[in-house]
Amino acid sequence: SSSSPNSTNNDAGGGGSSTNTRDAANLLTPPPANLHNVCAPETIDTKLEDCEDACWPSDCCDFPVELDLSCMEGNQADCQLYHASCHILTDKDTAAAAPKKPDDATINAIPKAPFDLQRTCYSDNLKTVDGFAACKEACNPAECCFDGQSCFHDNPEICKQYAPCMVLSSSDATNDVITKEVIEKCSKLSLSTLQGRTSCRGVCSH
């Protein structure tokens, strides 16, 4: 969700310095408490470099969960906190195309997250069409917590309940997994046998 850092100093880090490194386990450094101020829309033009440096650790949140480079699994809450402020780095040049922020009534009407959302949006479930659809449906009521005009800061307690929905950020890669399965099971060679046709029909029926 951000560019590589331009310096080793992290003004958003509460006074400390950052080495801009991450260990081999891709553990995610929690976001600094003042991240929202560092990446605020009204100051981004003058604090762009500070915002980039503060957001850099969250790059691993953007990798599909299937990859070793990803730190999403188990860190959805921190990835969500980063996204709520760091999305400005990718959205600031496309503001005209960004969705309009909903009104206060809509923001306050976001329901509590389903109690089983963590299970519904578990990364393995997203590898199937049905599993992906179930997670997407469960997360739809809180869409504004994640889109380009994030309402996260207007209703943080409710939005935080939807942290498991962050795995949908790798939906493109997940869909690639599903597409690959369809291509393999519905190939010309596969369709030449009864078993292959049955297999293709099965994967396409979801």
C-alpha atoms as a PDB file:
ATOM      1  CA  SER A   1       0.000   0.000   0.000  1.00  0.00           C
ATOM      2  CA  SER A   2       3.034   2.273  -0.150  1.00  0.00           C
ATOM      3  CA  SER A   3       6.359   2.949  -1.766  1.00  0.00           C
ATOM      4  CA  SER A   4       9.734   1.970  -0.383  1.00  0.00           C
ATOM      5  CA  PRO A   5      11.067   4.327   2.259  1.00  0.00           C
ATOM      6  CA  ASN A   6      13.168   7.297   1.292  1.00  0.00           C
ATOM      7  CA  SER A   7      15.065   7.525   4.538  1.00  0.00           C
ATOM      8  CA  THR A   8      15.829   5.561   7.674  1.00  0.00           C
ATOM      9  CA  ASN A   9      14.116   8.095   9.929  1.00  0.00           C
ATOM     10  CA  ASN A  10      10.482   7.442  10.744  1.00  0.00           C
ATOM     11  CA  ASP A  11       8.853  10.613  12.038  1.00  0.00           C
ATOM     12  CA  ALA A  12       5.658   8.672  12.723  1.00  0.00           C
ATOM     13  CA  GLY A  13       7.392   6.217  15.008  1.00  0.00           C
ATOM     14  CA  GLY A  14       6.993   8.126  18.220  1.00  0.00           C
ATOM     15  CA  GLY A  15      10.550   9.420  18.411  1.00  0.00           C
ATOM     16  CA  GLY A  16      12.418   6.221  17.574  1.00  0.00           C
ATOM     17  CA  SER A  17      14.240   5.355  14.392  1.00  0.00           C
ATOM     18  CA  SER A  18      13.395   2.623  11.935  1.00  0.00           C
ATOM     19  CA  THR A  19      15.903   0.380  10.240  1.00  0.00           C
ATOM     20  CA  ASN A  20      13.335  -0.284   7.493  1.00  0.00           C
ATOM     21  CA  THR A  21      13.920  -4.012   7.746  1.00  0.00           C
ATOM     22  CA  ARG A  22      11.604  -6.896   8.420  1.00  0.00           C
ATOM     23  CA  ASP A  23      12.642 -10.329   9.658  1.00  0.00           C
ATOM     24  CA  ALA A  24      12.320 -13.480   7.635  1.00  0.00           C
ATOM     25  CA  ALA A  25       9.004 -14.385   9.267  1.00  0.00           C
ATOM     26  CA  ASN A  26       7.468 -11.188   7.878  1.00  0.00           C
ATOM     27  CA  LEU A  27       6.187 -10.143  11.260  1.00  0.00           C
ATOM     28  CA  LEU A  28       4.259  -6.920  10.937  1.00  0.00           C
ATOM     29  CA  THR A  29       5.349  -3.917  12.986  1.00  0.00           C
ATOM     30  CA  PRO A  30       2.245  -2.359  14.602  1.00  0.00           C
ATOM     31  CA  PRO A  31       1.326   0.999  13.085  1.00  0.00           C
ATOM     32  CA  PRO A  32       2.446   4.140  14.938  1.00  0.00           C
ATOM     33  CA  ALA A  33      -0.234   5.785  17.042  1.00  0.00           C
ATOM     34  CA  ASN A  34      -0.082   9.026  15.051  1.00  0.00           C
ATOM     35  CA  LEU A  35      -0.238   7.398  11.599  1.00  0.00           C
ATOM     36  CA  HIS A  36      -3.569   9.028  10.773  1.00  0.00           C
ATOM     37  CA  ASN A  37      -2.085  12.475  11.424  1.00  0.00           C
ATOM     38  CA  VAL A  38       1.063  11.774   9.414  1.00  0.00           C
ATOM     39  CA  CYS A  39      -1.000  10.618   6.423  1.00  0.00           C
ATOM     40  CA  ALA A  40      -3.883  13.062   6.791  1.00  0.00           C
ATOM     41  CA  PRO A  41      -5.336  14.311   3.466  1.00  0.00           C
ATOM     42  CA  GLU A  42      -4.825  17.949   4.403  1.00  0.00           C
ATOM     43  CA  THR A  43      -1.081  17.478   5.039  1.00  0.00           C
ATOM     44  CA  ILE A  44      -0.128  14.680   2.624  1.00  0.00           C
ATOM     45  CA  ASP A  45       1.446  17.074   0.123  1.00  0.00           C
ATOM     46  CA  THR A  46       3.947  18.320   2.710  1.00  0.00           C
ATOM     47  CA  LYS A  47       4.358  15.049   4.643  1.00  0.00           C
ATOM     48  CA  LEU A  48       4.395  12.608   1.753  1.00  0.00           C
ATOM     49  CA  GLU A  49       7.834  11.219   2.572  1.00  0.00           C
ATOM     50  CA  ASP A  50       6.943  10.810   6.251  1.00  0.00           C
ATOM     51  CA  CYS A  51       3.746   8.996   5.304  1.00  0.00           C
ATOM     52  CA  GLU A  52       5.581   6.670   2.920  1.00  0.00           C
ATOM     53  CA  ASP A  53       8.152   5.806   5.579  1.00  0.00           C
ATOM     54  CA  ALA A  54       5.457   5.174   8.191  1.00  0.00           C
ATOM     55  CA  CYS A  55       3.436   2.983   5.822  1.00  0.00           C
ATOM     56  CA  TRP A  56       6.326   0.990   4.403  1.00  0.00           C
ATOM     57  CA  PRO A  57       6.113  -1.898   6.933  1.00  0.00           C
ATOM     58  CA  SER A  58       2.585  -2.639   5.729  1.00  0.00           C
ATOM     59  CA  ASP A  59       3.702  -3.546   2.192  1.00  0.00           C
ATOM     60  CA  CYS A  60       3.555  -7.203   3.236  1.00  0.00           C
ATOM     61  CA  CYS A  61      -0.195  -6.792   3.836  1.00  0.00           C
ATOM     62  CA  ASP A  62      -0.693  -6.407   0.096  1.00  0.00           C
ATOM     63  CA  PHE A  63       0.802  -9.734  -0.916  1.00  0.00           C
ATOM     64  CA  PRO A  64      -1.676 -12.582  -1.466  1.00  0.00           C
ATOM     65  CA  VAL A  65      -1.938 -14.750   1.624  1.00  0.00           C
ATOM     66  CA  GLU A  66      -0.776 -17.753  -0.407  1.00  0.00           C
ATOM     67  CA  LEU A  67       2.700 -16.216  -0.706  1.00  0.00           C
ATOM     68  CA  ASP A  68       5.438 -16.415   1.903  1.00  0.00           C
ATOM     69  CA  LEU A  69       5.928 -12.656   1.531  1.00  0.00           C
ATOM     70  CA  SER A  70       2.466 -12.018   2.967  1.00  0.00           C
ATOM     71  CA  CYS A  71       1.996 -11.029   6.598  1.00  0.00           C
ATOM     72  CA  MET A  72      -1.797 -10.780   6.362  1.00  0.00           C
ATOM     73  CA  GLU A  73      -2.667 -14.025   8.130  1.00  0.00           C
ATOM     74  CA  GLY A  74      -2.977 -13.290  11.852  1.00  0.00           C
ATOM     75  CA  ASN A  75      -2.308  -9.571  11.324  1.00  0.00           C
ATOM     76  CA  GLN A  76      -5.626  -8.513   9.783  1.00  0.00           C
ATOM     77  CA  ALA A  77      -6.283  -5.945  12.512  1.00  0.00           C
ATOM     78  CA  ASP A  78      -2.939  -4.178  12.097  1.00  0.00           C
ATOM     79  CA  CYS A  79      -3.173  -4.392   8.309  1.00  0.00           C
ATOM     80  CA  GLN A  80      -6.571  -2.733   8.556  1.00  0.00           C
ATOM     81  CA  LEU A  81      -5.186   0.076  10.726  1.00  0.00           C
ATOM     82  CA  TYR A  82      -2.436   0.683   8.177  1.00  0.00           C
ATOM     83  CA  HIS A  83      -4.872   0.602   5.270  1.00  0.00           C
ATOM     84  CA  ALA A  84      -7.203   3.125   6.888  1.00  0.00           C
ATOM     85  CA  SER A  85      -4.487   5.779   6.628  1.00  0.00           C
ATOM     86  CA  CYS A  86      -2.028   4.499   4.037  1.00  0.00           C
ATOM     87  CA  HIS A  87      -4.591   4.091   1.271  1.00  0.00           C
ATOM     88  CA  ILE A  88      -4.094   7.801   0.609  1.00  0.00           C
ATOM     89  CA  LEU A  89      -0.737   6.986  -1.014  1.00  0.00           C
ATOM     90  CA  THR A  90      -2.468   5.136  -3.833  1.00  0.00           C
ATOM     91  CA  ASP A  91      -5.678   7.175  -3.871  1.00  0.00           C
ATOM     92  CA  LYS A  92      -4.350  10.737  -3.810  1.00  0.00           C
ATOM     93  CA  ASP A  93      -3.691  10.751  -7.563  1.00  0.00           C
ATOM     94  CA  THR A  94      -7.041   9.154  -8.382  1.00  0.00           C
ATOM     95  CA  ALA A  95      -9.318  11.136  -6.076  1.00  0.00           C
ATOM     96  CA  ALA A  96     -11.801  11.825  -8.862  1.00  0.00           C
ATOM     97  CA  ALA A  97     -12.330   8.112  -9.377  1.00  0.00           C
ATOM     98  CA  ALA A  98     -12.576   7.280  -5.672  1.00  0.00           C
ATOM     99  CA  PRO A  99     -16.009   6.439  -4.278  1.00  0.00           C
ATOM    100  CA  LYS A 100     -17.837   9.211  -2.441  1.00  0.00           C
ATOM    101  CA  LYS A 101     -17.711   8.941   1.325  1.00  0.00           C
ATOM    102  CA  PRO A 102     -21.117   7.876   2.702  1.00  0.00           C
ATOM    103  CA  ASP A 103     -23.116  10.162   4.956  1.00  0.00           C
ATOM    104  CA  ASP A 104     -23.053   9.896   8.743  1.00  0.00           C
ATOM    105  CA  ALA A 105     -26.322   7.966   8.856  1.00  0.00           C
ATOM    106  CA  THR A 106     -24.896   5.268   6.587  1.00  0.00           C
ATOM    107  CA  ILE A 107     -21.649   5.098   8.529  1.00  0.00           C
ATOM    108  CA  ASN A 108     -23.452   4.771  11.862  1.00  0.00           C
ATOM    109  CA  ALA A 109     -25.767   2.102  10.448  1.00  0.00           C
ATOM    110  CA  ILE A 110     -22.976  -0.412   9.808  1.00  0.00           C
ATOM    111  CA  PRO A 111     -24.085  -3.536  11.711  1.00  0.00           C
ATOM    112  CA  LYS A 112     -21.908  -5.470  14.104  1.00  0.00           C
ATOM    113  CA  ALA A 113     -19.777  -8.019  12.310  1.00  0.00           C
ATOM    114  CA  PRO A 114     -21.041 -11.629  12.233  1.00  0.00           C
ATOM    115  CA  PHE A 115     -19.646 -13.634  15.133  1.00  0.00           C
ATOM    116  CA  ASP A 116     -18.139 -16.194  12.755  1.00  0.00           C
ATOM    117  CA  LEU A 117     -16.563 -13.686  10.346  1.00  0.00           C
ATOM    118  CA  GLN A 118     -13.041 -14.857  11.157  1.00  0.00           C
ATOM    119  CA  ARG A 119     -13.960 -18.390  10.116  1.00  0.00           C
ATOM    120  CA  THR A 120     -15.964 -17.272   7.076  1.00  0.00           C
ATOM    121  CA  CYS A 121     -13.056 -15.218   5.753  1.00  0.00           C
ATOM    122  CA  TYR A 122     -10.280 -17.639   6.637  1.00  0.00           C
ATOM    123  CA  SER A 123      -7.815 -17.600   3.758  1.00  0.00           C
ATOM    124  CA  ASP A 124      -8.332 -21.266   2.844  1.00  0.00           C
ATOM    125  CA  ASN A 125     -12.064 -20.646   2.400  1.00  0.00           C
ATOM    126  CA  LEU A 126     -11.359 -17.966  -0.205  1.00  0.00           C
ATOM    127  CA  LYS A 127      -9.833 -20.574  -2.505  1.00  0.00           C
ATOM    128  CA  THR A 128     -13.307 -21.717  -3.526  1.00  0.00           C
ATOM    129  CA  VAL A 129     -15.969 -19.722  -5.334  1.00  0.00           C
ATOM    130  CA  ASP A 130     -18.527 -20.380  -2.603  1.00  0.00           C
ATOM    131  CA  GLY A 131     -16.096 -19.480   0.163  1.00  0.00           C
ATOM    132  CA  PHE A 132     -15.075 -16.251  -1.506  1.00  0.00           C
ATOM    133  CA  ALA A 133     -18.710 -15.292  -2.104  1.00  0.00           C
ATOM    134  CA  ALA A 134     -19.622 -15.993   1.535  1.00  0.00           C
ATOM    135  CA  CYS A 135     -16.809 -13.775   2.818  1.00  0.00           C
ATOM    136  CA  LYS A 136     -17.638 -11.025   0.345  1.00  0.00           C
ATOM    137  CA  GLU A 137     -21.308 -11.073   1.362  1.00  0.00           C
ATOM    138  CA  ALA A 138     -20.459 -10.950   5.070  1.00  0.00           C
ATOM    139  CA  CYS A 139     -18.127  -7.998   4.499  1.00  0.00           C
ATOM    140  CA  ASN A 140     -20.343  -5.941   2.189  1.00  0.00           C
ATOM    141  CA  PRO A 141     -22.124  -4.001   4.982  1.00  0.00           C
ATOM    142  CA  ALA A 142     -18.765  -2.533   6.035  1.00  0.00           C
ATOM    143  CA  GLU A 143     -17.464  -1.806   2.537  1.00  0.00           C
ATOM    144  CA  CYS A 144     -16.803   1.846   3.365  1.00  0.00           C
ATOM    145  CA  CYS A 145     -14.349   0.749   6.062  1.00  0.00           C
ATOM    146  CA  PHE A 146     -12.012  -0.400   3.305  1.00  0.00           C
ATOM    147  CA  ASP A 147     -12.725   1.566   0.128  1.00  0.00           C
ATOM    148  CA  GLY A 148     -10.917   4.628  -1.176  1.00  0.00           C
ATOM    149  CA  GLN A 149     -12.945   7.065   0.952  1.00  0.00           C
ATOM    150  CA  SER A 150     -12.525   5.063   4.151  1.00  0.00           C
ATOM    151  CA  CYS A 151     -15.048   5.702   6.924  1.00  0.00           C
ATOM    152  CA  PHE A 152     -12.819   3.778   9.325  1.00  0.00           C
ATOM    153  CA  HIS A 153     -11.948   6.845  11.374  1.00  0.00           C
ATOM    154  CA  ASP A 154     -15.630   7.794  11.706  1.00  0.00           C
ATOM    155  CA  ASN A 155     -16.692   4.437  13.120  1.00  0.00           C
ATOM    156  CA  PRO A 156     -13.496   2.655  14.211  1.00  0.00           C
ATOM    157  CA  GLU A 157     -14.987   0.289  16.775  1.00  0.00           C
ATOM    158  CA  ILE A 158     -17.404  -1.259  14.292  1.00  0.00           C
ATOM    159  CA  CYS A 159     -14.923  -1.215  11.408  1.00  0.00           C
ATOM    160  CA  LYS A 160     -12.342  -3.044  13.535  1.00  0.00           C
ATOM    161  CA  GLN A 161     -14.807  -5.906  13.936  1.00  0.00           C
ATOM    162  CA  TYR A 162     -14.535  -6.405  10.170  1.00  0.00           C
ATOM    163  CA  ALA A 163     -10.736  -6.784  10.200  1.00  0.00           C
ATOM    164  CA  PRO A 164     -10.953 -10.372   8.850  1.00  0.00           C
ATOM    165  CA  CYS A 165     -12.294  -8.852   5.626  1.00  0.00           C
ATOM    166  CA  MET A 166      -8.790  -7.580   4.874  1.00  0.00           C
ATOM    167  CA  VAL A 167      -8.034 -10.918   3.206  1.00  0.00           C
ATOM    168  CA  LEU A 168     -10.292  -9.773   0.371  1.00  0.00           C
ATOM    169  CA  SER A 169      -7.536  -7.336  -0.579  1.00  0.00           C
ATOM    170  CA  SER A 170      -5.798 -10.304  -2.200  1.00  0.00           C
ATOM    171  CA  SER A 171      -8.947 -11.228  -4.096  1.00  0.00           C
ATOM    172  CA  ASP A 172      -7.237 -10.886  -7.471  1.00  0.00           C
ATOM    173  CA  ALA A 173      -4.743 -13.557  -6.538  1.00  0.00           C
ATOM    174  CA  THR A 174      -7.477 -15.693  -5.024  1.00  0.00           C
ATOM    175  CA  ASN A 175      -9.498 -15.436  -8.210  1.00  0.00           C
ATOM    176  CA  ASP A 176      -6.392 -16.445 -10.121  1.00  0.00           C
ATOM    177  CA  VAL A 177      -6.316 -19.647  -8.057  1.00  0.00           C
ATOM    178  CA  ILE A 178      -9.946 -20.338  -8.942  1.00  0.00           C
ATOM    179  CA  THR A 179      -9.345 -19.495 -12.603  1.00  0.00           C
ATOM    180  CA  LYS A 180      -6.386 -21.864 -12.732  1.00  0.00           C
ATOM    181  CA  GLU A 181      -8.567 -24.646 -11.319  1.00  0.00           C
ATOM    182  CA  VAL A 182     -11.207 -24.047 -13.997  1.00  0.00           C
ATOM    183  CA  ILE A 183      -8.600 -23.994 -16.785  1.00  0.00           C
ATOM    184  CA  GLU A 184      -7.063 -27.253 -15.591  1.00  0.00           C
ATOM    185  CA  LYS A 185     -10.341 -29.134 -15.074  1.00  0.00           C
ATOM    186  CA  CYS A 186     -12.000 -27.803 -18.231  1.00  0.00           C
ATOM    187  CA  SER A 187      -9.125 -28.261 -20.653  1.00  0.00           C
ATOM    188  CA  LYS A 188      -9.700 -29.929 -24.019  1.00  0.00           C
ATOM    189  CA  LEU A 189      -7.909 -33.026 -22.736  1.00  0.00           C
ATOM    190  CA  SER A 190     -10.053 -33.156 -19.610  1.00  0.00           C
ATOM    191  CA  LEU A 191     -13.280 -32.697 -21.564  1.00  0.00           C
ATOM    192  CA  SER A 192     -12.402 -35.707 -23.729  1.00  0.00           C
ATOM    193  CA  THR A 193     -13.320 -38.068 -20.883  1.00  0.00           C
ATOM    194  CA  LEU A 194     -16.523 -38.548 -18.889  1.00  0.00           C
ATOM    195  CA  GLN A 195     -14.628 -38.112 -15.640  1.00  0.00           C
ATOM    196  CA  GLY A 196     -13.079 -34.887 -16.932  1.00  0.00           C
ATOM    197  CA  ARG A 197     -16.411 -33.480 -18.041  1.00  0.00           C
ATOM    198  CA  THR A 198     -17.901 -34.300 -14.647  1.00  0.00           C
ATOM    199  CA  SER A 199     -14.978 -32.605 -12.920  1.00  0.00           C
ATOM    200  CA  CYS A 200     -15.359 -29.504 -15.087  1.00  0.00           C
ATOM    201  CA  ARG A 201     -19.095 -29.366 -14.465  1.00  0.00           C
ATOM    202  CA  GLY A 202     -18.427 -29.574 -10.737  1.00  0.00           C
ATOM    203  CA  VAL A 203     -16.002 -26.664 -10.553  1.00  0.00           C
ATOM    204  CA  CYS A 204     -18.165 -24.482 -12.796  1.00  0.00           C
ATOM    205  CA  SER A 205     -21.356 -25.107 -10.837  1.00  0.00           C
ATOM    206  CA  HIS A 206     -20.172 -23.199  -7.733  1.00  0.00           C
END
